[in-house]
C-alpha atoms as a PDB file:
ATOM      1  CA  MET A   1       0.219  -0.081  -0.037  1.00  0.00           C
ATOM      2  CA  GLU A   2       2.849   1.877   0.595  1.00  0.00           C
ATOM      3  CA  SER A   3       4.322   2.096  -2.944  1.00  0.00           C
ATOM      4  CA  LEU A   4       0.519   2.928  -4.181  1.00  0.00           C
ATOM      5  CA  ALA A   5       0.748   6.158  -2.347  1.00  0.00           C
ATOM      6  CA  LEU A   6       4.284   6.943  -2.910  1.00  0.00           C
ATOM      7  CA  LEU A   7       3.080   5.848  -6.871  1.00  0.00           C
ATOM      8  CA  VAL A   8       0.159   8.214  -6.823  1.00  0.00           C
ATOM      9  CA  SER A   9       2.222  11.277  -4.923  1.00  0.00           C
ATOM     10  CA  ILE A  10       4.752  11.046  -7.709  1.00  0.00           C
ATOM     11  CA  ILE A  11       2.325  11.437 -10.124  1.00  0.00           C
ATOM     12  CA  VAL A  12       0.232  14.124  -8.698  1.00  0.00           C
ATOM     13  CA  PHE A  13       3.040  16.669  -7.499  1.00  0.00           C
ATOM     14  CA  PRO A  14       4.214  18.306 -10.857  1.00  0.00           C
ATOM     15  CA  ALA A  15       0.807  18.931 -11.594  1.00  0.00           C
ATOM     16  CA  MET A  16      -0.293  20.006  -8.048  1.00  0.00           C
ATOM     17  CA  PHE A  17       3.084  22.016  -6.809  1.00  0.00           C
ATOM     18  CA  GLY A  18       5.062  22.190 -10.476  1.00  0.00           C
ATOM     19  CA  GLY A  19       2.494  24.409 -12.275  1.00  0.00           C
ATOM     20  CA  PRO A  20       2.459  27.055  -9.216  1.00  0.00           C
ATOM     21  CA  ILE A  21       6.319  27.277  -8.429  1.00  0.00           C
ATOM     22  CA  ALA A  22       6.683  27.802 -12.273  1.00  0.00           C
ATOM     23  CA  LEU A  23       4.146  30.884 -12.274  1.00  0.00           C
ATOM     24  CA  LEU A  24       5.186  32.187  -8.500  1.00  0.00           C
ATOM     25  CA  LEU A  25       9.032  32.161 -10.399  1.00  0.00           C
ATOM     26  CA  SER A  26       7.968  33.940 -13.578  1.00  0.00           C
ATOM     27  CA  LEU A  27       5.707  36.328 -11.780  1.00  0.00           C
ATOM     28  CA  TYR A  28       8.514  38.210 -10.462  1.00  0.00           C
ATOM     29  CA  ARG A  29      10.581  39.406 -13.329  1.00  0.00           C
ATOM     30  CA  PRO A  30      13.881  41.584 -12.492  1.00  0.00           C
ATOM     31  CA  ALA A  31      15.877  43.318 -15.045  1.00  0.00           C
ATOM     32  CA  SER A  32      17.863  40.323 -16.210  1.00  0.00           C
ATOM     33  CA  MET A  33      16.519  36.674 -15.610  1.00  0.00           C
ATOM     34  CA  SER A  34      19.259  34.134 -14.992  1.00  0.00           C
ATOM     35  CA  HIS A  35      19.600  31.272 -17.370  1.00  0.00           C
ATOM     36  CA  PHE A  36      18.922  28.713 -14.525  1.00  0.00           C
ATOM     37  CA  ARG A  37      15.965  30.137 -13.581  1.00  0.00           C
ATOM     38  CA  ARG A  38      14.383  30.103 -17.044  1.00  0.00           C
ATOM     39  CA  ILE A  39      15.020  26.337 -17.473  1.00  0.00           C
ATOM     40  CA  LEU A  40      13.745  25.729 -14.076  1.00  0.00           C
ATOM     41  CA  ILE A  41      10.691  27.639 -14.882  1.00  0.00           C
ATOM     42  CA  ILE A  42      10.306  25.809 -18.200  1.00  0.00           C
ATOM     43  CA  ILE A  43      11.172  22.494 -16.939  1.00  0.00           C
ATOM     44  CA  PHE A  44       8.227  22.921 -14.172  1.00  0.00           C
ATOM     45  CA  ALA A  45       5.873  24.300 -16.815  1.00  0.00           C
ATOM     46  CA  ILE A  46       6.388  21.638 -19.073  1.00  0.00           C
ATOM     47  CA  LEU A  47       6.227  18.704 -16.680  1.00  0.00           C
ATOM     48  CA  SER A  48       3.034  20.073 -14.771  1.00  0.00           C
ATOM     49  CA  SER A  49       1.291  20.768 -18.409  1.00  0.00           C
ATOM     50  CA  ILE A  50       2.040  17.100 -19.688  1.00  0.00           C
ATOM     51  CA  VAL A  51       0.873  15.392 -16.223  1.00  0.00           C
ATOM     52  CA  GLY A  52      -2.547  18.241 -16.090  1.00  0.00           C
ATOM     53  CA  ILE A  53      -3.074  16.781 -19.603  1.00  0.00           C
ATOM     54  CA  PHE A  54      -2.802  13.161 -18.602  1.00  0.00           C
ATOM     55  CA  LEU A  55      -4.721  13.909 -15.555  1.00  0.00           C
ATOM     56  CA  LEU A  56      -7.614  15.451 -17.549  1.00  0.00           C
ATOM     57  CA  ILE A  57      -7.505  13.020 -20.272  1.00  0.00           C
ATOM     58  CA  GLU A  58      -7.666   9.940 -18.071  1.00  0.00           C
ATOM     59  CA  ASN A  59     -10.590  11.264 -16.189  1.00  0.00           C
ATOM     60  CA  VAL A  60     -10.135   9.309 -13.246  1.00  0.00           C
ATOM     61  CA  SER A  61     -12.164  11.586 -10.731  1.00  0.00           C
ATOM     62  CA  ARG A  62     -13.200  14.847 -10.030  1.00  0.00           C
ATOM     63  CA  GLY A  63     -10.232  15.795  -7.699  1.00  0.00           C
ATOM     64  CA  ALA A  64      -7.895  14.618 -10.464  1.00  0.00           C
ATOM     65  CA  ASN A  65      -9.648  16.825 -13.052  1.00  0.00           C
ATOM     66  CA  VAL A  66      -9.334  19.691 -10.931  1.00  0.00           C
ATOM     67  CA  ILE A  67      -5.566  19.198 -10.369  1.00  0.00           C
ATOM     68  CA  GLY A  68      -4.819  18.108 -13.387  1.00  0.00           C
ATOM     69  CA  ALA A  69      -6.855  21.875 -14.803  1.00  0.00           C
ATOM     70  CA  LEU A  70      -4.743  23.576 -11.993  1.00  0.00           C
ATOM     71  CA  GLY A  71      -1.347  21.873 -13.220  1.00  0.00           C
ATOM     72  CA  LEU A  72      -2.109  22.342 -16.876  1.00  0.00           C
ATOM     73  CA  SER A  73      -3.461  26.377 -16.598  1.00  0.00           C
ATOM     74  CA  THR A  74      -0.415  27.570 -14.416  1.00  0.00           C
ATOM     75  CA  GLY A  75       2.212  25.685 -16.508  1.00  0.00           C
ATOM     76  CA  LEU A  76       0.895  27.318 -19.503  1.00  0.00           C
ATOM     77  CA  GLY A  77       0.180  30.730 -17.722  1.00  0.00           C
ATOM     78  CA  SER A  78       3.819  30.450 -16.582  1.00  0.00           C
ATOM     79  CA  LEU A  79       4.946  29.695 -20.195  1.00  0.00           C
ATOM     80  CA  TRP A  80       3.165  32.627 -21.600  1.00  0.00           C
ATOM     81  CA  GLN A  81       4.437  34.968 -18.909  1.00  0.00           C
ATOM     82  CA  LEU A  82       7.984  33.785 -19.720  1.00  0.00           C
ATOM     83  CA  LYS A  83       7.617  34.524 -23.574  1.00  0.00           C
ATOM     84  CA  ARG A  84       5.761  37.923 -22.555  1.00  0.00           C
ATOM     85  CA  ASP A  85       8.689  38.780 -20.494  1.00  0.00           C
ATOM     86  CA  ARG A  86      11.617  37.818 -23.143  1.00  0.00           C
ATOM     87  CA  LYS A  87       9.519  40.222 -25.325  1.00  0.00           C
ATOM     88  CA  VAL A  88       9.827  43.407 -23.675  1.00  0.00           C
ATOM     89  CA  THR A  89      13.291  42.998 -22.075  1.00  0.00           C
ATOM     90  CA  PRO A  90      15.460  44.688 -24.990  1.00  0.00           C
END
């Protein structure tokens, strides 16, 4: 049973926490964003978007759908913020 709980937490973690972390990292925009931070945002955002799509498509439960929608929306939002920031900065 412990291994099943561990597997579920590994599957749900990127969608539940990866997207919001990426969004928080992309909201604060200093004059020049480091390459490490930009790569970290991209990794968190893509991972949470993929897991979010997976949870939405699988239709496991209503809670999984909510977590999937949260991960997908925050992941795409952080990528959008990153793209918008890159255009504004000369």
